[in-house]
Amino acid sequence: MKWLEFVHVRASAAGMEWNIPALNEQLALCRAEQLAGVSVVRHTLYPGDLAVILTWQNDRQPVKTREGMAIAEYLNRFGAVEHGVWEYVAMHQPDTPVAAGQRVKS
């Protein structure tokens, strides 16, 4: 199963610009075997809003991981942090038509 861990921080834009290199150092510590990827995204209107998305691929119950908690703790220095776990309920490939009435897998 593929699931996401989403760590969002709301900070001043200036503060985050200075801390991107340090954030990259923190992300380099994420080396769990079942970690499929790490993404960092920034809000287009609010440059101080930054999110780290950990993508996991395993069969365990989706929970906050120690890697996600470490990132949340690090980002908490710069602003208010929201840390949550998300699971996929539907996925669509852009080049594949979606069948009418297709049900979302629960």
PDB file of N, CA and C in Angstrom:
ATOM      1  N   MET A   1       0.842  -1.172   0.000  1.00  0.00           N
ATOM      2  CA  MET A   1       0.000   0.000   0.000  1.00  0.00           C
ATOM      3  C   MET A   1       0.891   1.239   0.000  1.00  0.00           C
ATOM      4  N   LYS A   2       0.464   2.238  -0.737  1.00  0.00           N
ATOM      5  CA  LYS A   2       1.189   3.505  -0.790  1.00  0.00           C
ATOM      6  C   LYS A   2       0.431   4.534   0.042  1.00  0.00           C
ATOM      7  N   TRP A   3       1.137   5.255   0.908  1.00  0.00           N
ATOM      8  CA  TRP A   3       0.518   6.281   1.736  1.00  0.00           C
ATOM      9  C   TRP A   3       1.490   7.434   1.942  1.00  0.00           C
ATOM     10  N   LEU A   4       0.954   8.568   2.419  1.00  0.00           N
ATOM     11  CA  LEU A   4       1.746   9.787   2.545  1.00  0.00           C
ATOM     12  C   LEU A   4       1.788  10.273   3.977  1.00  0.00           C
ATOM     13  N   GLU A   5       2.903  10.863   4.303  1.00  0.00           N
ATOM     14  CA  GLU A   5       3.045  11.579   5.565  1.00  0.00           C
ATOM     15  C   GLU A   5       3.319  13.029   5.174  1.00  0.00           C
ATOM     16  N   PHE A   6       2.486  13.937   5.635  1.00  0.00           N
ATOM     17  CA  PHE A   6       2.496  15.325   5.203  1.00  0.00           C
ATOM     18  C   PHE A   6       2.852  16.206   6.391  1.00  0.00           C
ATOM     19  N   VAL A   7       3.981  16.918   6.298  1.00  0.00           N
ATOM     20  CA  VAL A   7       4.426  17.801   7.380  1.00  0.00           C
ATOM     21  C   VAL A   7       4.456  19.220   6.808  1.00  0.00           C
ATOM     22  N   HIS A   8       3.582  20.081   7.331  1.00  0.00           N
ATOM     23  CA  HIS A   8       3.416  21.434   6.807  1.00  0.00           C
ATOM     24  C   HIS A   8       3.835  22.447   7.870  1.00  0.00           C
ATOM     25  N   VAL A   9       4.618  23.449   7.461  1.00  0.00           N
ATOM     26  CA  VAL A   9       5.003  24.524   8.372  1.00  0.00           C
ATOM     27  C   VAL A   9       4.579  25.854   7.767  1.00  0.00           C
ATOM     28  N   ARG A  10       4.065  26.726   8.622  1.00  0.00           N
ATOM     29  CA  ARG A  10       3.730  28.094   8.225  1.00  0.00           C
ATOM     30  C   ARG A  10       4.724  29.004   8.944  1.00  0.00           C
ATOM     31  N   ALA A  11       5.613  29.614   8.166  1.00  0.00           N
ATOM     32  CA  ALA A  11       6.671  30.459   8.727  1.00  0.00           C
ATOM     33  C   ALA A  11       6.786  31.720   7.891  1.00  0.00           C
ATOM     34  N   SER A  12       7.626  32.639   8.335  1.00  0.00           N
ATOM     35  CA  SER A  12       7.880  33.825   7.522  1.00  0.00           C
ATOM     36  C   SER A  12       8.686  33.401   6.299  1.00  0.00           C
ATOM     37  N   ALA A  13       8.412  34.023   5.168  1.00  0.00           N
ATOM     38  CA  ALA A  13       9.107  33.667   3.922  1.00  0.00           C
ATOM     39  C   ALA A  13      10.608  33.854   4.065  1.00  0.00           C
ATOM     40  N   ALA A  14      11.026  34.916   4.696  1.00  0.00           N
ATOM     41  CA  ALA A  14      12.460  35.182   4.856  1.00  0.00           C
ATOM     42  C   ALA A  14      13.129  34.091   5.683  1.00  0.00           C
ATOM     43  N   GLY A  15      12.456  33.636   6.726  1.00  0.00           N
ATOM     44  CA  GLY A  15      13.021  32.599   7.578  1.00  0.00           C
ATOM     45  C   GLY A  15      13.230  31.298   6.840  1.00  0.00           C
ATOM     46  N   MET A  16      12.296  30.931   5.981  1.00  0.00           N
ATOM     47  CA  MET A  16      12.431  29.670   5.260  1.00  0.00           C
ATOM     48  C   MET A  16      13.499  29.745   4.183  1.00  0.00           C
ATOM     49  N   GLU A  17      13.659  30.886   3.545  1.00  0.00           N
ATOM     50  CA  GLU A  17      14.706  31.001   2.521  1.00  0.00           C
ATOM     51  C   GLU A  17      16.076  30.684   3.128  1.00  0.00           C
ATOM     52  N   TRP A  18      16.319  31.143   4.338  1.00  0.00           N
ATOM     53  CA  TRP A  18      17.606  30.915   4.978  1.00  0.00           C
ATOM     54  C   TRP A  18      17.790  29.472   5.430  1.00  0.00           C
ATOM     55  N   ASN A  19      16.690  28.733   5.602  1.00  0.00           N
ATOM     56  CA  ASN A  19      16.804  27.413   6.198  1.00  0.00           C
ATOM     57  C   ASN A  19      16.632  26.247   5.227  1.00  0.00           C
ATOM     58  N   ILE A  20      16.480  26.508   3.948  1.00  0.00           N
ATOM     59  CA  ILE A  20      16.352  25.420   2.977  1.00  0.00           C
ATOM     60  C   ILE A  20      17.593  24.519   2.976  1.00  0.00           C
ATOM     61  N   PRO A  21      18.821  25.061   2.980  1.00  0.00           N
ATOM     62  CA  PRO A  21      19.987  24.157   3.033  1.00  0.00           C
ATOM     63  C   PRO A  21      19.996  23.271   4.287  1.00  0.00           C
ATOM     64  N   ALA A  22      19.610  23.828   5.420  1.00  0.00           N
ATOM     65  CA  ALA A  22      19.561  23.031   6.645  1.00  0.00           C
ATOM     66  C   ALA A  22      18.448  21.981   6.557  1.00  0.00           C
ATOM     67  N   LEU A  23      17.332  22.325   5.923  1.00  0.00           N
ATOM     68  CA  LEU A  23      16.256  21.354   5.735  1.00  0.00           C
ATOM     69  C   LEU A  23      16.739  20.196   4.871  1.00  0.00           C
ATOM     70  N   ASN A  24      17.492  20.502   3.829  1.00  0.00           N
ATOM     71  CA  ASN A  24      18.038  19.439   2.974  1.00  0.00           C
ATOM     72  C   ASN A  24      18.928  18.492   3.770  1.00  0.00           C
ATOM     73  N   GLU A  25      19.695  19.018   4.706  1.00  0.00           N
ATOM     74  CA  GLU A  25      20.531  18.172   5.566  1.00  0.00           C
ATOM     75  C   GLU A  25      19.648  17.259   6.419  1.00  0.00           C
ATOM     76  N   GLN A  26      18.550  17.796   6.943  1.00  0.00           N
ATOM     77  CA  GLN A  26      17.620  16.997   7.757  1.00  0.00           C
ATOM     78  C   GLN A  26      16.989  15.893   6.908  1.00  0.00           C
ATOM     79  N   LEU A  27      16.594  16.228   5.673  1.00  0.00           N
ATOM     80  CA  LEU A  27      15.963  15.250   4.795  1.00  0.00           C
ATOM     81  C   LEU A  27      16.927  14.136   4.402  1.00  0.00           C
ATOM     82  N   ALA A  28      18.207  14.445   4.342  1.00  0.00           N
ATOM     83  CA  ALA A  28      19.206  13.439   3.988  1.00  0.00           C
ATOM     84  C   ALA A  28      19.262  12.322   5.026  1.00  0.00           C
ATOM     85  N   LEU A  29      18.765  12.585   6.226  1.00  0.00           N
ATOM     86  CA  LEU A  29      18.754  11.567   7.284  1.00  0.00           C
ATOM     87  C   LEU A  29      17.626  10.557   7.101  1.00  0.00           C
ATOM     88  N   CYS A  30      16.678  10.856   6.220  1.00  0.00           N
ATOM     89  CA  CYS A  30      15.546   9.949   5.971  1.00  0.00           C
ATOM     90  C   CYS A  30      15.991   8.840   5.033  1.00  0.00           C
ATOM     91  N   ARG A  31      16.317   7.697   5.587  1.00  0.00           N
ATOM     92  CA  ARG A  31      16.817   6.593   4.787  1.00  0.00           C
ATOM     93  C   ARG A  31      16.090   5.287   5.085  1.00  0.00           C
ATOM     94  N   ALA A  32      14.840   5.365   5.502  1.00  0.00           N
ATOM     95  CA  ALA A  32      14.086   4.145   5.808  1.00  0.00           C
ATOM     96  C   ALA A  32      13.903   3.319   4.542  1.00  0.00           C
ATOM     97  N   GLU A  33      13.976   2.020   4.680  1.00  0.00           N
ATOM     98  CA  GLU A  33      13.918   1.103   3.533  1.00  0.00           C
ATOM     99  C   GLU A  33      12.618   1.238   2.744  1.00  0.00           C
ATOM    100  N   GLN A  34      11.500   1.440   3.415  1.00  0.00           N
ATOM    101  CA  GLN A  34      10.200   1.479   2.741  1.00  0.00           C
ATOM    102  C   GLN A  34       9.766   2.893   2.361  1.00  0.00           C
ATOM    103  N   LEU A  35      10.683   3.849   2.466  1.00  0.00           N
ATOM    104  CA  LEU A  35      10.412   5.220   2.061  1.00  0.00           C
ATOM    105  C   LEU A  35      10.593   5.308   0.551  1.00  0.00           C
ATOM    106  N   ALA A  36       9.491   5.550  -0.169  1.00  0.00           N
ATOM    107  CA  ALA A  36       9.529   5.559  -1.633  1.00  0.00           C
ATOM    108  C   ALA A  36       9.961   6.905  -2.197  1.00  0.00           C
ATOM    109  N   GLY A  37       9.840   7.972  -1.405  1.00  0.00           N
ATOM    110  CA  GLY A  37      10.247   9.276  -1.915  1.00  0.00           C
ATOM    111  C   GLY A  37       9.995  10.383  -0.912  1.00  0.00           C
ATOM    112  N   VAL A  38      10.689  11.496  -1.113  1.00  0.00           N
ATOM    113  CA  VAL A  38      10.519  12.689  -0.286  1.00  0.00           C
ATOM    114  C   VAL A  38      10.394  13.873  -1.232  1.00  0.00           C
ATOM    115  N   SER A  39       9.368  14.688  -1.009  1.00  0.00           N
ATOM    116  CA  SER A  39       9.161  15.897  -1.805  1.00  0.00           C
ATOM    117  C   SER A  39       9.064  17.088  -0.874  1.00  0.00           C
ATOM    118  N   VAL A  40       9.515  18.241  -1.340  1.00  0.00           N
ATOM    119  CA  VAL A  40       9.350  19.494  -0.614  1.00  0.00           C
ATOM    120  C   VAL A  40       8.624  20.444  -1.556  1.00  0.00           C
ATOM    121  N   VAL A  41       7.512  21.002  -1.082  1.00  0.00           N
ATOM    122  CA  VAL A  41       6.723  21.916  -1.900  1.00  0.00           C
ATOM    123  C   VAL A  41       6.502  23.214  -1.127  1.00  0.00           C
ATOM    124  N   ARG A  42       6.352  24.299  -1.895  1.00  0.00           N
ATOM    125  CA  ARG A  42       6.110  25.601  -1.283  1.00  0.00           C
ATOM    126  C   ARG A  42       4.837  26.176  -1.896  1.00  0.00           C
ATOM    127  N   HIS A  43       4.030  26.808  -1.066  1.00  0.00           N
ATOM    128  CA  HIS A  43       2.794  27.425  -1.518  1.00  0.00           C
ATOM    129  C   HIS A  43       3.115  28.556  -2.499  1.00  0.00           C
ATOM    130  N   THR A  44       2.338  28.676  -3.578  1.00  0.00           N
ATOM    131  CA  THR A  44       2.636  29.681  -4.602  1.00  0.00           C
ATOM    132  C   THR A  44       2.302  31.097  -4.157  1.00  0.00           C
ATOM    133  N   LEU A  45       1.332  31.263  -3.271  1.00  0.00           N
ATOM    134  CA  LEU A  45       0.976  32.604  -2.801  1.00  0.00           C
ATOM    135  C   LEU A  45       1.640  32.977  -1.483  1.00  0.00           C
ATOM    136  N   TYR A  46       1.947  31.979  -0.658  1.00  0.00           N
ATOM    137  CA  TYR A  46       2.526  32.208   0.660  1.00  0.00           C
ATOM    138  C   TYR A  46       3.862  31.480   0.747  1.00  0.00           C
ATOM    139  N   PRO A  47       4.963  32.129   0.336  1.00  0.00           N
ATOM    140  CA  PRO A  47       6.253  31.437   0.267  1.00  0.00           C
ATOM    141  C   PRO A  47       6.767  30.911   1.605  1.00  0.00           C
ATOM    142  N   GLY A  48       6.202  31.369   2.716  1.00  0.00           N
ATOM    143  CA  GLY A  48       6.600  30.837   4.016  1.00  0.00           C
ATOM    144  C   GLY A  48       5.916  29.524   4.348  1.00  0.00           C
ATOM    145  N   ASP A  49       4.918  29.134   3.558  1.00  0.00           N
ATOM    146  CA  ASP A  49       4.249  27.852   3.755  1.00  0.00           C
ATOM    147  C   ASP A  49       5.015  26.784   2.984  1.00  0.00           C
ATOM    148  N   LEU A  50       5.549  25.847   3.712  1.00  0.00           N
ATOM    149  CA  LEU A  50       6.373  24.797   3.127  1.00  0.00           C
ATOM    150  C   LEU A  50       5.859  23.456   3.627  1.00  0.00           C
ATOM    151  N   ALA A  51       5.884  22.443   2.767  1.00  0.00           N
ATOM    152  CA  ALA A  51       5.454  21.112   3.183  1.00  0.00           C
ATOM    153  C   ALA A  51       6.475  20.077   2.732  1.00  0.00           C
ATOM    154  N   VAL A  52       6.695  19.107   3.586  1.00  0.00           N
ATOM    155  CA  VAL A  52       7.523  17.953   3.269  1.00  0.00           C
ATOM    156  C   VAL A  52       6.574  16.766   3.171  1.00  0.00           C
ATOM    157  N   ILE A  53       6.645  16.049   2.058  1.00  0.00           N
ATOM    158  CA  ILE A  53       5.774  14.905   1.829  1.00  0.00           C
ATOM    159  C   ILE A  53       6.632  13.648   1.745  1.00  0.00           C
ATOM    160  N   LEU A  54       6.429  12.757   2.683  1.00  0.00           N
ATOM    161  CA  LEU A  54       7.112  11.465   2.678  1.00  0.00           C
ATOM    162  C   LEU A  54       6.157  10.450   2.061  1.00  0.00           C
ATOM    163  N   THR A  55       6.589   9.751   1.035  1.00  0.00           N
ATOM    164  CA  THR A  55       5.764   8.735   0.391  1.00  0.00           C
ATOM    165  C   THR A  55       6.280   7.371   0.818  1.00  0.00           C
ATOM    166  N   TRP A  56       5.389   6.588   1.409  1.00  0.00           N
ATOM    167  CA  TRP A  56       5.743   5.275   1.929  1.00  0.00           C
ATOM    168  C   TRP A  56       5.095   4.188   1.081  1.00  0.00           C
ATOM    169  N   GLN A  57       5.782   3.060   0.954  1.00  0.00           N
ATOM    170  CA  GLN A  57       5.266   1.899   0.228  1.00  0.00           C
ATOM    171  C   GLN A  57       5.488   0.677   1.110  1.00  0.00           C
ATOM    172  N   ASN A  58       4.433   0.259   1.825  1.00  0.00           N
ATOM    173  CA  ASN A  58       4.523  -0.929   2.670  1.00  0.00           C
ATOM    174  C   ASN A  58       3.120  -1.391   3.044  1.00  0.00           C
ATOM    175  N   ASP A  59       3.024  -2.458   3.781  1.00  0.00           N
ATOM    176  CA  ASP A  59       1.732  -3.031   4.148  1.00  0.00           C
ATOM    177  C   ASP A  59       1.334  -2.733   5.583  1.00  0.00           C
ATOM    178  N   ARG A  60       2.040  -1.871   6.271  1.00  0.00           N
ATOM    179  CA  ARG A  60       1.709  -1.574   7.654  1.00  0.00           C
ATOM    180  C   ARG A  60       0.611  -0.515   7.736  1.00  0.00           C
ATOM    181  N   GLN A  61       0.029  -0.397   8.899  1.00  0.00           N
ATOM    182  CA  GLN A  61      -0.973   0.630   9.148  1.00  0.00           C
ATOM    183  C   GLN A  61      -0.304   2.001   9.031  1.00  0.00           C
ATOM    184  N   PRO A  62      -0.854   2.928   8.223  1.00  0.00           N
ATOM    185  CA  PRO A  62      -0.252   4.260   8.111  1.00  0.00           C
ATOM    186  C   PRO A  62      -0.273   4.987   9.453  1.00  0.00           C
ATOM    187  N   VAL A  63       0.888   5.397   9.912  1.00  0.00           N
ATOM    188  CA  VAL A  63       1.037   6.119  11.176  1.00  0.00           C
ATOM    189  C   VAL A  63       2.135   7.168  11.013  1.00  0.00           C
ATOM    190  N   LYS A  64       2.185   8.100  11.948  1.00  0.00           N
ATOM    191  CA  LYS A  64       3.302   9.045  11.967  1.00  0.00           C
ATOM    192  C   LYS A  64       4.565   8.254  12.268  1.00  0.00           C
ATOM    193  N   THR A  65       5.591   8.464  11.451  1.00  0.00           N
ATOM    194  CA  THR A  65       6.840   7.723  11.605  1.00  0.00           C
ATOM    195  C   THR A  65       7.869   8.556  12.358  1.00  0.00           C
ATOM    196  N   ARG A  66       8.922   7.913  12.788  1.00  0.00           N
ATOM    197  CA  ARG A  66       9.972   8.670  13.477  1.00  0.00           C
ATOM    198  C   ARG A  66      10.637   9.653  12.521  1.00  0.00           C
ATOM    199  N   GLU A  67      10.727   9.308  11.226  1.00  0.00           N
ATOM    200  CA  GLU A  67      11.294  10.234  10.242  1.00  0.00           C
ATOM    201  C   GLU A  67      10.414  11.483  10.114  1.00  0.00           C
ATOM    202  N   GLY A  68       9.098  11.268  10.028  1.00  0.00           N
ATOM    203  CA  GLY A  68       8.170  12.389   9.937  1.00  0.00           C
ATOM    204  C   GLY A  68       8.168  13.231  11.200  1.00  0.00           C
ATOM    205  N   MET A  69       8.226  12.565  12.348  1.00  0.00           N
ATOM    206  CA  MET A  69       8.245  13.299  13.618  1.00  0.00           C
ATOM    207  C   MET A  69       9.529  14.117  13.762  1.00  0.00           C
ATOM    208  N   ALA A  70      10.650  13.586  13.267  1.00  0.00           N
ATOM    209  CA  ALA A  70      11.910  14.334  13.328  1.00  0.00           C
ATOM    210  C   ALA A  70      11.838  15.577  12.440  1.00  0.00           C
ATOM    211  N   ILE A  71      11.245  15.444  11.262  1.00  0.00           N
ATOM    212  CA  ILE A  71      11.091  16.596  10.373  1.00  0.00           C
ATOM    213  C   ILE A  71      10.152  17.618  11.007  1.00  0.00           C
ATOM    214  N   ALA A  72       9.041  17.152  11.596  1.00  0.00           N
ATOM    215  CA  ALA A  72       8.094  18.056  12.251  1.00  0.00           C
ATOM    216  C   ALA A  72       8.765  18.805  13.402  1.00  0.00           C
ATOM    217  N   GLU A  73       9.558  18.096  14.181  1.00  0.00           N
ATOM    218  CA  GLU A  73      10.271  18.728  15.295  1.00  0.00           C
ATOM    219  C   GLU A  73      11.247  19.779  14.785  1.00  0.00           C
ATOM    220  N   TYR A  74      11.961  19.451  13.716  1.00  0.00           N
ATOM    221  CA  TYR A  74      12.899  20.412  13.125  1.00  0.00           C
ATOM    222  C   TYR A  74      12.156  21.654  12.617  1.00  0.00           C
ATOM    223  N   LEU A  75      11.073  21.455  11.867  1.00  0.00           N
ATOM    224  CA  LEU A  75      10.338  22.581  11.282  1.00  0.00           C
ATOM    225  C   LEU A  75       9.610  23.417  12.330  1.00  0.00           C
ATOM    226  N   ASN A  76       9.305  22.829  13.482  1.00  0.00           N
ATOM    227  CA  ASN A  76       8.629  23.544  14.559  1.00  0.00           C
ATOM    228  C   ASN A  76       9.440  24.751  15.037  1.00  0.00           C
ATOM    229  N   ARG A  77      10.728  24.753  14.805  1.00  0.00           N
ATOM    230  CA  ARG A  77      11.585  25.891  15.183  1.00  0.00           C
ATOM    231  C   ARG A  77      11.243  27.152  14.399  1.00  0.00           C
ATOM    232  N   PHE A  78      10.608  26.971  13.236  1.00  0.00           N
ATOM    233  CA  PHE A  78      10.407  28.083  12.313  1.00  0.00           C
ATOM    234  C   PHE A  78       8.962  28.570  12.237  1.00  0.00           C
ATOM    235  N   GLY A  79       8.029  27.813  12.803  1.00  0.00           N
ATOM    236  CA  GLY A  79       6.632  28.229  12.736  1.00  0.00           C
ATOM    237  C   GLY A  79       5.702  27.119  13.176  1.00  0.00           C
ATOM    238  N   ALA A  80       4.410  27.351  12.947  1.00  0.00           N
ATOM    239  CA  ALA A  80       3.385  26.384  13.331  1.00  0.00           C
ATOM    240  C   ALA A  80       3.421  25.188  12.378  1.00  0.00           C
ATOM    241  N   VAL A  81       3.419  23.987  12.950  1.00  0.00           N
ATOM    242  CA  VAL A  81       3.548  22.757  12.164  1.00  0.00           C
ATOM    243  C   VAL A  81       2.281  21.924  12.269  1.00  0.00           C
ATOM    244  N   GLU A  82       1.866  21.380  11.139  1.00  0.00           N
ATOM    245  CA  GLU A  82       0.786  20.389  11.087  1.00  0.00           C
ATOM    246  C   GLU A  82       1.394  19.120  10.504  1.00  0.00           C
ATOM    247  N   HIS A  83       1.199  18.006  11.185  1.00  0.00           N
ATOM    248  CA  HIS A  83       1.787  16.730  10.772  1.00  0.00           C
ATOM    249  C   HIS A  83       0.666  15.712  10.693  1.00  0.00           C
ATOM    250  N   GLY A  84       0.428  15.162   9.512  1.00  0.00           N
ATOM    251  CA  GLY A  84      -0.648  14.204   9.343  1.00  0.00           C
ATOM    252  C   GLY A  84      -0.272  13.066   8.425  1.00  0.00           C
ATOM    253  N   VAL A  85      -1.095  12.031   8.462  1.00  0.00           N
ATOM    254  CA  VAL A  85      -0.895  10.847   7.635  1.00  0.00           C
ATOM    255  C   VAL A  85      -2.097  10.739   6.705  1.00  0.00           C
ATOM    256  N   TRP A  86      -1.815  10.513   5.428  1.00  0.00           N
ATOM    257  CA  TRP A  86      -2.852  10.451   4.400  1.00  0.00           C
ATOM    258  C   TRP A  86      -2.715   9.145   3.644  1.00  0.00           C
ATOM    259  N   GLU A  87      -3.853   8.583   3.240  1.00  0.00           N
ATOM    260  CA  GLU A  87      -3.824   7.389   2.407  1.00  0.00           C
ATOM    261  C   GLU A  87      -4.510   7.695   1.081  1.00  0.00           C
ATOM    262  N   TYR A  88      -4.088   7.011   0.056  1.00  0.00           N
ATOM    263  CA  TYR A  88      -4.706   7.173  -1.256  1.00  0.00           C
ATOM    264  C   TYR A  88      -6.071   6.501  -1.251  1.00  0.00           C
ATOM    265  N   VAL A  89      -7.070   7.202  -1.775  1.00  0.00           N
ATOM    266  CA  VAL A  89      -8.386   6.591  -1.937  1.00  0.00           C
ATOM    267  C   VAL A  89      -8.702   6.401  -3.413  1.00  0.00           C
ATOM    268  N   ALA A  90      -8.004   7.120  -4.273  1.00  0.00           N
ATOM    269  CA  ALA A  90      -8.155   6.960  -5.717  1.00  0.00           C
ATOM    270  C   ALA A  90      -6.909   7.503  -6.386  1.00  0.00           C
ATOM    271  N   MET A  91      -6.547   6.904  -7.483  1.00  0.00           N
ATOM    272  CA  MET A  91      -5.414   7.377  -8.275  1.00  0.00           C
ATOM    273  C   MET A  91      -5.835   7.327  -9.735  1.00  0.00           C
ATOM    274  N   HIS A  92      -5.370   8.276 -10.508  1.00  0.00           N
ATOM    275  CA  HIS A  92      -5.705   8.341 -11.924  1.00  0.00           C
ATOM    276  C   HIS A  92      -4.459   8.692 -12.712  1.00  0.00           C
ATOM    277  N   GLN A  93      -4.185   7.934 -13.729  1.00  0.00           N
ATOM    278  CA  GLN A  93      -3.088   8.229 -14.637  1.00  0.00           C
ATOM    279  C   GLN A  93      -3.633   9.147 -15.724  1.00  0.00           C
ATOM    280  N   PRO A  94      -3.018  10.290 -16.002  1.00  0.00           N
ATOM    281  CA  PRO A  94      -3.552  11.250 -16.963  1.00  0.00           C
ATOM    282  C   PRO A  94      -3.830  10.666 -18.347  1.00  0.00           C
ATOM    283  N   ASP A  95      -3.085   9.660 -18.767  1.00  0.00           N
ATOM    284  CA  ASP A  95      -3.278   9.099 -20.101  1.00  0.00           C
ATOM    285  C   ASP A  95      -4.260   7.922 -20.115  1.00  0.00           C
ATOM    286  N   THR A  96      -4.942   7.669 -18.988  1.00  0.00           N
ATOM    287  CA  THR A  96      -5.889   6.564 -18.883  1.00  0.00           C
ATOM    288  C   THR A  96      -7.283   7.127 -18.618  1.00  0.00           C
ATOM    289  N   PRO A  97      -8.264   6.806 -19.442  1.00  0.00           N
ATOM    290  CA  PRO A  97      -9.614   7.329 -19.187  1.00  0.00           C
ATOM    291  C   PRO A  97     -10.208   6.721 -17.908  1.00  0.00           C
ATOM    292  N   VAL A  98     -10.950   7.541 -17.174  1.00  0.00           N
ATOM    293  CA  VAL A  98     -11.625   7.083 -15.961  1.00  0.00           C
ATOM    294  C   VAL A  98     -13.017   6.623 -16.362  1.00  0.00           C
ATOM    295  N   ALA A  99     -13.394   5.413 -15.950  1.00  0.00           N
ATOM    296  CA  ALA A  99     -14.705   4.872 -16.275  1.00  0.00           C
ATOM    297  C   ALA A  99     -15.796   5.624 -15.522  1.00  0.00           C
ATOM    298  N   ALA A 100     -16.883   5.925 -16.192  1.00  0.00           N
ATOM    299  CA  ALA A 100     -18.012   6.602 -15.565  1.00  0.00           C
ATOM    300  C   ALA A 100     -18.544   5.729 -14.433  1.00  0.00           C
ATOM    301  N   GLY A 101     -18.816   6.339 -13.300  1.00  0.00           N
ATOM    302  CA  GLY A 101     -19.383   5.596 -12.176  1.00  0.00           C
ATOM    303  C   GLY A 101     -18.379   4.739 -11.433  1.00  0.00           C
ATOM    304  N   GLN A 102     -17.091   4.890 -11.720  1.00  0.00           N
ATOM    305  CA  GLN A 102     -16.069   4.096 -11.047  1.00  0.00           C
ATOM    306  C   GLN A 102     -16.080   4.424  -9.557  1.00  0.00           C
ATOM    307  N   ARG A 103     -16.069   3.413  -8.731  1.00  0.00           N
ATOM    308  CA  ARG A 103     -16.127   3.605  -7.294  1.00  0.00           C
ATOM    309  C   ARG A 103     -14.739   3.749  -6.707  1.00  0.00           C
ATOM    310  N   VAL A 104     -14.638   4.565  -5.685  1.00  0.00           N
ATOM    311  CA  VAL A 104     -13.382   4.746  -4.973  1.00  0.00           C
ATOM    312  C   VAL A 104     -13.185   3.560  -4.049  1.00  0.00           C
ATOM    313  N   LYS A 105     -12.016   2.972  -4.083  1.00  0.00           N
ATOM    314  CA  LYS A 105     -11.691   1.833  -3.219  1.00  0.00           C
ATOM    315  C   LYS A 105     -11.567   2.320  -1.783  1.00  0.00           C
ATOM    316  N   SER A 106     -12.231   1.639  -0.864  1.00  0.00           N
ATOM    317  CA  SER A 106     -12.153   2.047   0.548  1.00  0.00           C
ATOM    318  C   SER A 106     -11.343   1.073   1.351  1.00  0.00           C
TER     319      SER A 106
END
